[in-house]
């Protein structure tokens, strides 16, 4: 179970670092470009939001694998 906690902490720190970077560097920019040539703020917001999403997806995957592992062990004990 320790590996799941380490991975959860890793992906959580990735998410938090990307969130803090987005708030610090481009607080009012949304990663949506409506013009022909987006400014650097939109591009940075897009990249940082992508890293945030990678962290969130990693958290979800770790939770799913940990849950399935826990359920497998509970089923094996009940037999």
C-alpha atoms as a PDB file:
ATOM      1  CA  UNK A   1       0.000   0.000   0.000  1.00  0.00           C
ATOM      2  CA  UNK A   2       2.988   2.291   0.444  1.00  0.00           C
ATOM      3  CA  UNK A   3       3.621   2.450  -3.307  1.00  0.00           C
ATOM      4  CA  UNK A   4       0.073   3.708  -3.838  1.00  0.00           C
ATOM      5  CA  UNK A   5       0.584   6.441  -1.268  1.00  0.00           C
ATOM      6  CA  UNK A   6       3.892   7.451  -2.847  1.00  0.00           C
ATOM      7  CA  UNK A   7       2.314   7.635  -6.293  1.00  0.00           C
ATOM      8  CA  UNK A   8      -0.656   9.530  -4.919  1.00  0.00           C
ATOM      9  CA  UNK A   9       1.722  12.036  -3.315  1.00  0.00           C
ATOM     10  CA  UNK A  10       3.704  12.323  -6.568  1.00  0.00           C
ATOM     11  CA  UNK A  11       0.679  13.045  -8.741  1.00  0.00           C
ATOM     12  CA  UNK A  12      -0.787  15.311  -6.085  1.00  0.00           C
ATOM     13  CA  UNK A  13       2.410  17.351  -5.962  1.00  0.00           C
ATOM     14  CA  UNK A  14       2.457  17.550  -9.781  1.00  0.00           C
ATOM     15  CA  UNK A  15      -1.085  18.899  -9.716  1.00  0.00           C
ATOM     16  CA  UNK A  16      -0.375  21.365  -6.909  1.00  0.00           C
ATOM     17  CA  UNK A  17       2.810  22.648  -8.542  1.00  0.00           C
ATOM     18  CA  UNK A  18       1.041  23.195 -11.859  1.00  0.00           C
ATOM     19  CA  UNK A  19      -1.893  24.878 -10.136  1.00  0.00           C
ATOM     20  CA  UNK A  20       0.394  27.190  -8.188  1.00  0.00           C
ATOM     21  CA  UNK A  21       2.335  28.015 -11.366  1.00  0.00           C
ATOM     22  CA  UNK A  22      -0.867  28.861 -13.227  1.00  0.00           C
ATOM     23  CA  UNK A  23      -2.090  31.096 -10.414  1.00  0.00           C
ATOM     24  CA  UNK A  24       1.313  32.782 -10.078  1.00  0.00           C
ATOM     25  CA  UNK A  25       2.171  33.347 -13.740  1.00  0.00           C
ATOM     26  CA  UNK A  26      -1.142  33.681 -15.579  1.00  0.00           C
ATOM     27  CA  UNK A  27      -3.908  34.233 -13.004  1.00  0.00           C
ATOM     28  CA  UNK A  28      -6.533  35.643 -15.363  1.00  0.00           C
ATOM     29  CA  UNK A  29      -5.781  33.672 -18.537  1.00  0.00           C
ATOM     30  CA  UNK A  30      -7.954  30.797 -19.672  1.00  0.00           C
ATOM     31  CA  UNK A  31      -6.546  28.135 -22.014  1.00  0.00           C
ATOM     32  CA  UNK A  32      -9.005  29.073 -24.767  1.00  0.00           C
ATOM     33  CA  UNK A  33      -7.822  31.003 -27.818  1.00  0.00           C
ATOM     34  CA  UNK A  34     -10.446  32.840 -29.824  1.00  0.00           C
ATOM     35  CA  UNK A  35      -8.159  34.835 -32.104  1.00  0.00           C
ATOM     36  CA  UNK A  36      -5.785  33.951 -34.896  1.00  0.00           C
ATOM     37  CA  UNK A  37      -2.606  34.292 -32.846  1.00  0.00           C
ATOM     38  CA  UNK A  38      -2.960  33.622 -29.112  1.00  0.00           C
ATOM     39  CA  UNK A  39      -0.732  35.509 -26.731  1.00  0.00           C
ATOM     40  CA  UNK A  40       1.904  33.926 -24.560  1.00  0.00           C
ATOM     41  CA  UNK A  41      -0.452  33.978 -21.583  1.00  0.00           C
ATOM     42  CA  UNK A  42      -2.924  31.691 -23.337  1.00  0.00           C
ATOM     43  CA  UNK A  43      -0.161  29.335 -24.419  1.00  0.00           C
ATOM     44  CA  UNK A  44       1.294  29.149 -20.902  1.00  0.00           C
ATOM     45  CA  UNK A  45      -2.169  28.619 -19.422  1.00  0.00           C
ATOM     46  CA  UNK A  46      -2.779  25.789 -21.903  1.00  0.00           C
ATOM     47  CA  UNK A  47       0.490  24.014 -21.059  1.00  0.00           C
ATOM     48  CA  UNK A  48       0.082  24.406 -17.307  1.00  0.00           C
ATOM     49  CA  UNK A  49      -3.547  23.257 -17.425  1.00  0.00           C
ATOM     50  CA  UNK A  50      -2.423  20.209 -19.391  1.00  0.00           C
ATOM     51  CA  UNK A  51       0.094  19.369 -16.655  1.00  0.00           C
ATOM     52  CA  UNK A  52      -2.658  19.862 -14.062  1.00  0.00           C
ATOM     53  CA  UNK A  53      -4.868  17.409 -15.926  1.00  0.00           C
ATOM     54  CA  UNK A  54      -2.044  14.867 -16.093  1.00  0.00           C
ATOM     55  CA  UNK A  55      -1.760  15.099 -12.310  1.00  0.00           C
ATOM     56  CA  UNK A  56      -5.510  14.649 -11.847  1.00  0.00           C
ATOM     57  CA  UNK A  57      -5.664  11.676 -14.227  1.00  0.00           C
ATOM     58  CA  UNK A  58      -2.711  10.116 -12.420  1.00  0.00           C
ATOM     59  CA  UNK A  59      -4.489  10.534  -9.087  1.00  0.00           C
ATOM     60  CA  UNK A  60      -7.618   8.891 -10.476  1.00  0.00           C
ATOM     61  CA  UNK A  61      -5.664   5.969 -11.930  1.00  0.00           C
ATOM     62  CA  UNK A  62      -3.754   5.376  -8.699  1.00  0.00           C
ATOM     63  CA  UNK A  63      -7.004   5.414  -6.736  1.00  0.00           C
ATOM     64  CA  UNK A  64      -8.632   2.927  -9.131  1.00  0.00           C
ATOM     65  CA  UNK A  65      -5.686   0.533  -9.023  1.00  0.00           C
ATOM     66  CA  UNK A  66      -5.443   0.794  -5.230  1.00  0.00           C
ATOM     67  CA  UNK A  67      -9.153   0.127  -4.889  1.00  0.00           C
ATOM     68  CA  UNK A  68      -9.022  -2.905  -7.169  1.00  0.00           C
ATOM     69  CA  UNK A  69      -5.973  -4.225  -5.314  1.00  0.00           C
ATOM     70  CA  UNK A  70      -7.746  -3.791  -1.986  1.00  0.00           C
ATOM     71  CA  UNK A  71     -10.858  -5.537  -3.277  1.00  0.00           C
ATOM     72  CA  UNK A  72      -8.781  -8.439  -4.624  1.00  0.00           C
ATOM     73  CA  UNK A  73      -7.126  -8.931  -1.256  1.00  0.00           C
ATOM     74  CA  UNK A  74     -10.472  -8.782   0.549  1.00  0.00           C
ATOM     75  CA  UNK A  75     -11.971 -11.353  -1.812  1.00  0.00           C
ATOM     76  CA  UNK A  76      -8.951 -13.628  -1.409  1.00  0.00           C
ATOM     77  CA  UNK A  77      -9.213 -13.450   2.405  1.00  0.00           C
ATOM     78  CA  UNK A  78     -12.914 -14.303   2.407  1.00  0.00           C
ATOM     79  CA  UNK A  79     -12.350 -17.594   0.534  1.00  0.00           C
END
